[in-house]
Amino acid sequence: MAASLRLLVRRLARLSHRSITSAAANVSCRSGCCLGPSSSRCLSDAAEDRNTHFGFETVSEAEKAKRVYKVFENVAQKYDIMNDAMSLGVHRLWKDMLLHAMHPQPGARLLDVAGGTGDISFRFLDYVYYQQERQKRRATGSSQSLSWQDISDKYPDEDRPQESRAVVCDINKEMLKVGKQRADSMGITSGVSWVVGDAEELPFDDDQFDIYTIAFGIRNVTHIHQALQEAFRVLKPGGRFMCLEFSKVTNPVLASLYDAYSFQVIPVLGEVIAGDWKSYQYLVESIRKFPDQEEFKGMIEDAGFCCVQYFNFTGGVVALHSGFKL
């Protein structure tokens, strides 16, 4: 209830700010336009006039949000298969490298935004479980004087550490549906929850999570700066922001080959495997519109994060950005 009320307050504040800004702009540009009963319509028109990119197209912000939702609604059932096909399976290594850099410990609470089918969260739970078992073995080795009953009582047998949780938050219900199906098929019945939510207006209270991840999702957000501010808000002091995203290739030869593969092969794979050329054409174009490593690093710092750094994977095809809320 508290989270819902705070979310409502934030939305009202943003709407008020946008309305005031739009009204001021309309008064200065079209004198008299917003007088009388037509004022609300003018504000709506101003909102529709704000443009952004959808791949290489220029569209209104509202139109982009609708189109992005439709893209992932269309590809949800084939999303994981296409990830393997497009990256030749390398995406699995990139995600494993994210987890090793994260190095979460038992008790950590993860928010996986745009987490859709659960890849990062499932890896998180496995990694934490491994860390807990490792700590148990170490403790057992250092407690040779204890009886087996003492050891058993001290370290009860649990499938997964109850104190660690992953929250998968995604705006697309179809992606979450596929993620839940995967969890069921893998026998994961605890430690993960699924929440429908917008990265720009997260339905969580302040200072709730130890780690925030967003993998291959932030380039699809309409207002990236707003998503970064929300990430900062929901992290606890000392919490870590981690973003895995396609970036700018640093080697000219690799860049040329990568472009040829992206534009000539990936949309074809999308048509053959998922029956959707356009969605994968957009995904390829959206990568080219995303800020490069240094620019995105600056955006993360502007949101308030400290100790921001990035690591290039596969020559910059993908970059892992990391920062802390201090």
Protein backbone atom coordinates (compact mmCIF):
# COMPACT_ATOMS: atom_id res chain seq x y z
CA MET A 1 0.00 0.00 0.00
CA ALA A 2 2.79 2.43 0.91
CA ALA A 3 4.58 1.70 -2.37
CA SER A 4 1.38 2.30 -4.34
CA LEU A 5 0.74 5.65 -2.61
CA ARG A 6 4.32 6.82 -3.19
CA LEU A 7 4.11 5.79 -6.84
CA LEU A 8 0.86 7.77 -7.23
CA VAL A 9 2.46 10.85 -5.63
CA ARG A 10 5.48 10.63 -7.95
CA ARG A 11 3.23 10.33 -10.99
CA LEU A 12 1.16 13.35 -9.96
CA ALA A 13 4.33 15.37 -9.38
CA ARG A 14 5.69 14.46 -12.81
CA LEU A 15 2.38 15.23 -14.52
CA SER A 16 2.24 18.61 -12.79
CA HIS A 17 5.80 19.41 -13.84
CA ARG A 18 5.15 18.38 -17.43
CA SER A 19 1.90 20.33 -17.56
CA ILE A 20 3.54 23.51 -16.27
CA THR A 21 6.44 23.13 -18.71
CA SER A 22 4.15 22.43 -21.64
CA ALA A 23 1.84 25.31 -20.75
CA ALA A 24 4.74 27.74 -20.59
CA ALA A 25 6.00 26.56 -23.96
CA ASN A 26 2.57 26.92 -25.56
CA VAL A 27 2.03 30.41 -24.20
CA SER A 28 5.33 31.62 -25.61
CA CYS A 29 4.93 29.92 -29.01
CA ARG A 30 1.19 30.18 -29.66
CA SER A 31 -0.28 33.12 -27.80
CA GLY A 32 -3.87 32.49 -26.73
CA CYS A 33 -3.88 28.80 -27.70
CA CYS A 34 -4.44 27.55 -24.16
CA LEU A 35 -7.13 29.99 -23.16
CA GLY A 36 -10.54 28.63 -22.24
CA PRO A 37 -11.84 25.03 -22.50
CA SER A 38 -9.23 23.95 -25.06
CA SER A 39 -6.32 24.20 -22.58
CA SER A 40 -6.20 20.49 -21.71
CA ARG A 41 -6.17 19.59 -25.39
CA CYS A 42 -3.20 21.88 -25.97
CA LEU A 43 -1.25 20.17 -23.19
CA SER A 44 -2.02 16.79 -24.73
CA ASP A 45 -0.89 18.02 -28.14
CA ALA A 46 2.36 19.26 -26.63
CA ALA A 47 3.02 15.85 -25.12
CA GLU A 48 2.40 14.20 -28.47
CA ASP A 49 4.86 16.65 -30.09
CA ARG A 50 7.79 15.33 -28.03
CA ASN A 51 9.73 13.09 -30.38
CA THR A 52 12.31 10.37 -29.90
CA HIS A 53 13.75 7.54 -31.95
CA PHE A 54 12.39 4.07 -32.60
CA GLY A 55 15.36 2.47 -34.28
CA PHE A 56 16.15 4.83 -37.15
CA GLU A 57 12.60 6.25 -37.22
CA THR A 58 11.53 9.45 -35.49
CA VAL A 59 8.30 8.94 -33.57
CA SER A 60 6.47 10.49 -30.65
CA GLU A 61 7.42 9.30 -27.17
CA ALA A 62 3.98 7.76 -26.70
CA GLU A 63 4.28 5.91 -30.02
CA LYS A 64 7.71 4.52 -29.10
CA ALA A 65 6.42 3.08 -25.84
CA LYS A 66 3.58 1.33 -27.68
CA ARG A 67 5.86 0.00 -30.40
CA VAL A 68 8.50 -1.32 -27.99
CA TYR A 69 5.80 -3.10 -26.01
CA LYS A 70 4.49 -4.68 -29.21
CA VAL A 71 8.00 -5.79 -30.26
CA PHE A 72 8.56 -7.79 -27.09
CA GLU A 73 5.00 -9.04 -27.02
CA ASN A 74 5.59 -10.47 -30.51
CA VAL A 75 8.98 -12.07 -29.79
CA ALA A 76 8.40 -13.30 -26.21
CA GLN A 77 7.88 -16.98 -27.06
CA LYS A 78 11.01 -17.12 -29.23
CA TYR A 79 13.08 -14.60 -27.28
CA ASP A 80 15.52 -17.05 -25.68
CA ILE A 81 15.93 -19.11 -28.86
CA MET A 82 16.67 -15.95 -30.83
CA ASN A 83 19.24 -14.83 -28.26
CA ASP A 84 21.12 -18.08 -28.81
CA ALA A 85 20.82 -17.80 -32.59
CA MET A 86 21.81 -14.12 -32.86
CA SER A 87 24.81 -14.33 -30.52
CA LEU A 88 25.77 -17.92 -31.38
CA GLY A 89 25.29 -18.64 -27.67
CA VAL A 90 27.81 -16.01 -26.54
CA HIS A 91 25.10 -14.10 -24.63
CA ARG A 92 25.29 -16.86 -22.03
CA LEU A 93 28.96 -16.06 -21.41
CA TRP A 94 28.22 -12.33 -21.17
CA LYS A 95 25.57 -12.98 -18.52
CA ASP A 96 27.87 -15.33 -16.62
CA MET A 97 30.53 -12.60 -16.65
CA LEU A 98 27.96 -10.18 -15.22
CA LEU A 99 27.30 -12.55 -12.32
CA HIS A 100 31.00 -13.08 -11.62
CA ALA A 101 31.52 -9.31 -11.57
CA MET A 102 28.50 -8.95 -9.28
CA HIS A 103 29.68 -11.73 -6.93
CA PRO A 104 26.48 -11.67 -4.83
CA GLN A 105 26.53 -13.14 -1.34
CA PRO A 106 23.79 -14.93 0.62
CA GLY A 107 21.27 -12.40 1.85
CA ALA A 108 21.49 -10.13 -1.19
CA ARG A 109 18.29 -8.78 -2.68
CA LEU A 110 18.27 -8.31 -6.46
CA LEU A 111 16.00 -6.20 -8.66
CA ASP A 112 16.26 -7.40 -12.26
CA VAL A 113 14.58 -4.74 -14.41
CA ALA A 114 13.49 -5.67 -17.93
CA GLY A 115 14.27 -9.16 -16.65
CA GLY A 116 11.55 -10.77 -18.75
CA THR A 117 12.40 -14.44 -19.13
CA GLY A 118 14.51 -14.56 -15.96
CA ASP A 119 18.01 -15.28 -17.29
CA ILE A 120 19.81 -12.97 -14.85
CA SER A 121 17.64 -13.84 -11.85
CA PHE A 122 18.05 -17.59 -12.33
CA ARG A 123 21.82 -17.15 -12.52
CA PHE A 124 21.71 -14.97 -9.42
CA LEU A 125 19.87 -17.63 -7.41
CA ASP A 126 22.27 -20.34 -8.55
CA TYR A 127 25.30 -18.19 -7.75
CA VAL A 128 24.04 -17.28 -4.27
CA TYR A 129 23.17 -20.90 -3.55
CA TYR A 130 26.69 -21.93 -4.58
CA GLN A 131 28.17 -19.26 -2.31
CA GLN A 132 26.07 -20.42 0.61
CA GLU A 133 27.08 -24.04 0.12
CA ARG A 134 30.71 -22.96 -0.12
CA GLN A 135 30.42 -21.09 3.17
CA LYS A 136 28.84 -24.15 4.79
CA ARG A 137 31.70 -26.36 3.67
CA ARG A 138 34.25 -23.89 4.99
CA ALA A 139 32.45 -23.62 8.32
CA THR A 140 32.22 -27.40 8.54
CA GLY A 141 35.93 -27.74 7.86
CA SER A 142 36.75 -25.30 10.64
CA SER A 143 34.41 -26.98 13.12
CA GLN A 144 35.91 -30.46 13.28
CA SER A 145 35.35 -30.57 17.04
CA LEU A 146 31.57 -30.29 16.58
CA SER A 147 29.39 -33.35 16.33
CA TRP A 148 27.47 -34.06 13.12
CA GLN A 149 24.27 -33.24 14.99
CA ASP A 150 25.67 -29.85 15.97
CA ILE A 151 26.64 -29.15 12.38
CA SER A 152 23.25 -30.29 11.10
CA ASP A 153 21.42 -28.08 13.58
CA LYS A 154 23.59 -25.10 12.74
CA TYR A 155 23.20 -25.44 8.96
CA PRO A 156 19.74 -26.76 8.10
CA ASP A 157 19.23 -28.33 4.68
CA GLU A 158 17.51 -25.86 2.34
CA ASP A 159 17.11 -25.93 -1.41
CA ARG A 160 17.79 -22.22 -1.69
CA PRO A 161 18.79 -19.48 0.75
CA GLN A 162 15.54 -18.02 2.04
CA GLU A 163 17.05 -14.63 2.83
CA SER A 164 18.12 -14.00 -0.78
CA ARG A 165 15.52 -12.97 -3.32
CA ALA A 166 15.34 -11.88 -6.92
CA VAL A 167 12.54 -9.64 -8.14
CA VAL A 168 12.00 -9.71 -11.90
CA CYS A 169 10.36 -6.48 -13.02
CA ASP A 170 9.24 -6.06 -16.62
CA ILE A 171 6.67 -3.85 -18.31
CA ASN A 172 5.69 -6.63 -20.71
CA LYS A 173 3.30 -9.27 -19.37
CA GLU A 174 4.10 -11.73 -22.15
CA MET A 175 7.80 -11.71 -21.29
CA LEU A 176 7.00 -12.32 -17.62
CA LYS A 177 4.66 -15.14 -18.59
CA VAL A 178 7.50 -16.88 -20.45
CA GLY A 179 9.80 -16.30 -17.47
CA LYS A 180 7.33 -17.91 -15.08
CA GLN A 181 6.98 -20.90 -17.41
CA ARG A 182 10.76 -21.29 -17.47
CA ALA A 183 10.92 -21.14 -13.67
CA ASP A 184 8.28 -23.87 -13.41
CA SER A 185 10.10 -26.07 -15.91
CA MET A 186 13.37 -25.61 -13.98
CA GLY A 187 11.71 -26.45 -10.66
CA ILE A 188 12.31 -22.99 -9.20
CA THR A 189 9.47 -22.49 -6.74
CA SER A 190 10.99 -19.98 -4.30
CA GLY A 191 13.42 -17.09 -4.20
CA VAL A 192 12.01 -15.22 -7.19
CA SER A 193 8.96 -13.03 -7.72
CA TRP A 194 7.52 -11.45 -10.87
CA VAL A 195 6.29 -7.86 -11.01
CA VAL A 196 4.78 -5.87 -13.87
CA GLY A 197 6.45 -2.47 -13.75
CA ASP A 198 7.89 0.40 -15.76
CA ALA A 199 11.63 1.09 -15.47
CA GLU A 200 10.81 4.81 -15.46
CA GLU A 201 8.35 4.50 -12.54
CA LEU A 202 9.30 1.49 -10.46
CA PRO A 203 6.56 0.24 -8.09
CA PHE A 204 8.92 -0.06 -5.11
CA ASP A 205 9.79 2.05 -2.08
CA ASP A 206 13.13 3.82 -1.70
CA ASP A 207 16.27 1.96 -0.54
CA GLN A 208 14.95 -1.57 -1.07
CA PHE A 209 17.55 -3.51 -3.06
CA ASP A 210 21.23 -4.41 -2.80
CA ILE A 211 21.71 -4.88 -6.54
CA TYR A 212 19.91 -3.48 -9.58
CA THR A 213 20.49 -5.15 -12.95
CA ILE A 214 19.18 -4.38 -16.41
CA ALA A 215 20.46 -6.58 -19.23
CA PHE A 216 19.81 -5.63 -22.85
CA GLY A 217 16.83 -3.54 -21.84
CA ILE A 218 17.81 0.04 -21.11
CA ARG A 219 18.20 1.03 -24.77
CA ASN A 220 14.46 0.33 -25.19
CA VAL A 221 13.50 2.80 -22.45
CA THR A 222 12.09 6.12 -23.69
CA HIS A 223 13.71 8.28 -20.98
CA ILE A 224 17.00 6.62 -20.02
CA HIS A 225 17.89 9.35 -17.50
CA GLN A 226 14.61 8.75 -15.68
CA ALA A 227 15.23 4.99 -15.51
CA LEU A 228 18.68 5.66 -14.04
CA GLN A 229 17.21 7.97 -11.41
CA GLU A 230 14.70 5.27 -10.47
CA ALA A 231 17.52 2.74 -10.18
CA PHE A 232 19.33 5.08 -7.80
CA ARG A 233 16.17 5.62 -5.75
CA VAL A 234 15.32 1.97 -5.12
CA LEU A 235 18.87 0.88 -4.29
CA LYS A 236 20.01 0.84 -0.67
CA PRO A 237 23.00 3.01 0.28
CA GLY A 238 25.98 0.97 -0.82
CA GLY A 239 23.85 -0.77 -3.45
CA ARG A 240 25.20 -1.54 -6.89
CA PHE A 241 23.85 -0.67 -10.34
CA MET A 242 24.86 -3.04 -13.16
CA CYS A 243 23.87 -2.67 -16.80
CA LEU A 244 24.72 -5.14 -19.55
CA GLU A 245 24.03 -3.64 -22.96
CA PHE A 246 25.12 -3.66 -26.57
CA SER A 247 27.61 -0.88 -27.15
CA LYS A 248 30.15 0.48 -29.64
CA VAL A 249 32.72 -1.90 -31.14
CA THR A 250 36.24 -0.57 -30.69
CA ASN A 251 38.03 -2.47 -33.49
CA PRO A 252 37.34 -1.10 -37.03
CA VAL A 253 37.60 -4.50 -38.72
CA LEU A 254 35.33 -6.16 -36.15
CA ALA A 255 32.93 -3.20 -36.40
CA SER A 256 32.59 -3.70 -40.15
CA LEU A 257 31.93 -7.42 -39.80
CA TYR A 258 29.53 -6.79 -36.92
CA ASP A 259 27.51 -4.27 -38.95
CA ALA A 260 27.26 -6.64 -41.90
CA TYR A 261 26.11 -9.48 -39.63
CA SER A 262 23.66 -7.27 -37.73
CA PHE A 263 21.85 -5.77 -40.71
CA GLN A 264 22.04 -8.65 -43.17
CA VAL A 265 21.73 -11.74 -40.98
CA ILE A 266 19.87 -10.94 -37.75
CA PRO A 267 16.60 -9.72 -39.37
CA VAL A 268 16.63 -12.84 -41.56
CA LEU A 269 17.03 -15.02 -38.46
CA GLY A 270 14.13 -13.13 -36.91
CA GLU A 271 11.93 -13.93 -39.88
CA VAL A 272 12.95 -17.60 -40.07
CA ILE A 273 12.86 -18.42 -36.34
CA ALA A 274 10.34 -15.95 -34.88
CA GLY A 275 8.41 -15.00 -38.01
CA ASP A 276 9.14 -11.34 -37.33
CA TRP A 277 11.60 -9.40 -39.51
CA LYS A 278 10.57 -5.92 -38.35
CA SER A 279 11.07 -6.49 -34.63
CA TYR A 280 14.63 -7.65 -35.12
CA GLN A 281 15.35 -4.90 -37.60
CA TYR A 282 14.33 -2.47 -34.83
CA LEU A 283 16.54 -4.24 -32.27
CA VAL A 284 19.55 -3.91 -34.57
CA GLU A 285 18.83 -0.23 -35.22
CA SER A 286 18.24 0.50 -31.53
CA ILE A 287 21.78 -0.67 -30.76
CA ARG A 288 23.18 1.96 -33.12
CA LYS A 289 21.14 4.72 -31.46
CA PHE A 290 22.32 3.86 -27.95
CA PRO A 291 25.05 6.05 -26.39
CA ASP A 292 28.62 4.78 -26.53
CA GLN A 293 30.49 3.56 -23.45
CA GLU A 294 31.81 6.93 -22.29
CA GLU A 295 28.58 8.82 -22.88
CA PHE A 296 26.53 6.24 -21.01
CA LYS A 297 29.08 6.29 -18.17
CA GLY A 298 28.48 10.04 -17.88
CA MET A 299 24.71 9.52 -17.78
CA ILE A 300 25.08 7.04 -14.91
CA GLU A 301 27.26 9.51 -13.00
CA ASP A 302 24.71 12.28 -13.62
CA ALA A 303 22.07 10.08 -11.95
CA GLY A 304 24.15 10.17 -8.75
CA PHE A 305 26.17 6.96 -8.93
CA CYS A 306 29.80 6.84 -7.81
CA CYS A 307 32.79 4.73 -8.83
CA VAL A 308 31.26 4.22 -12.29
CA GLN A 309 33.27 2.06 -14.64
CA TYR A 310 32.70 -0.19 -17.62
CA PHE A 311 34.17 -3.32 -19.12
CA ASN A 312 34.02 -4.21 -22.81
CA PHE A 313 33.14 -7.75 -23.81
CA THR A 314 33.86 -9.17 -27.27
CA GLY A 315 35.63 -6.04 -28.44
CA GLY A 316 32.87 -3.69 -27.33
CA VAL A 317 29.95 -5.55 -28.88
CA VAL A 318 28.66 -5.54 -25.30
CA ALA A 319 29.66 -3.40 -22.33
CA LEU A 320 29.05 -3.92 -18.63
CA HIS A 321 28.58 -0.64 -16.73
CA SER A 322 28.74 -0.61 -12.94
CA GLY A 323 28.21 2.06 -10.29
CA PHE A 324 27.44 2.40 -6.59
CA LYS A 325 24.95 4.40 -4.56
CA LEU A 326 26.97 5.86 -1.69
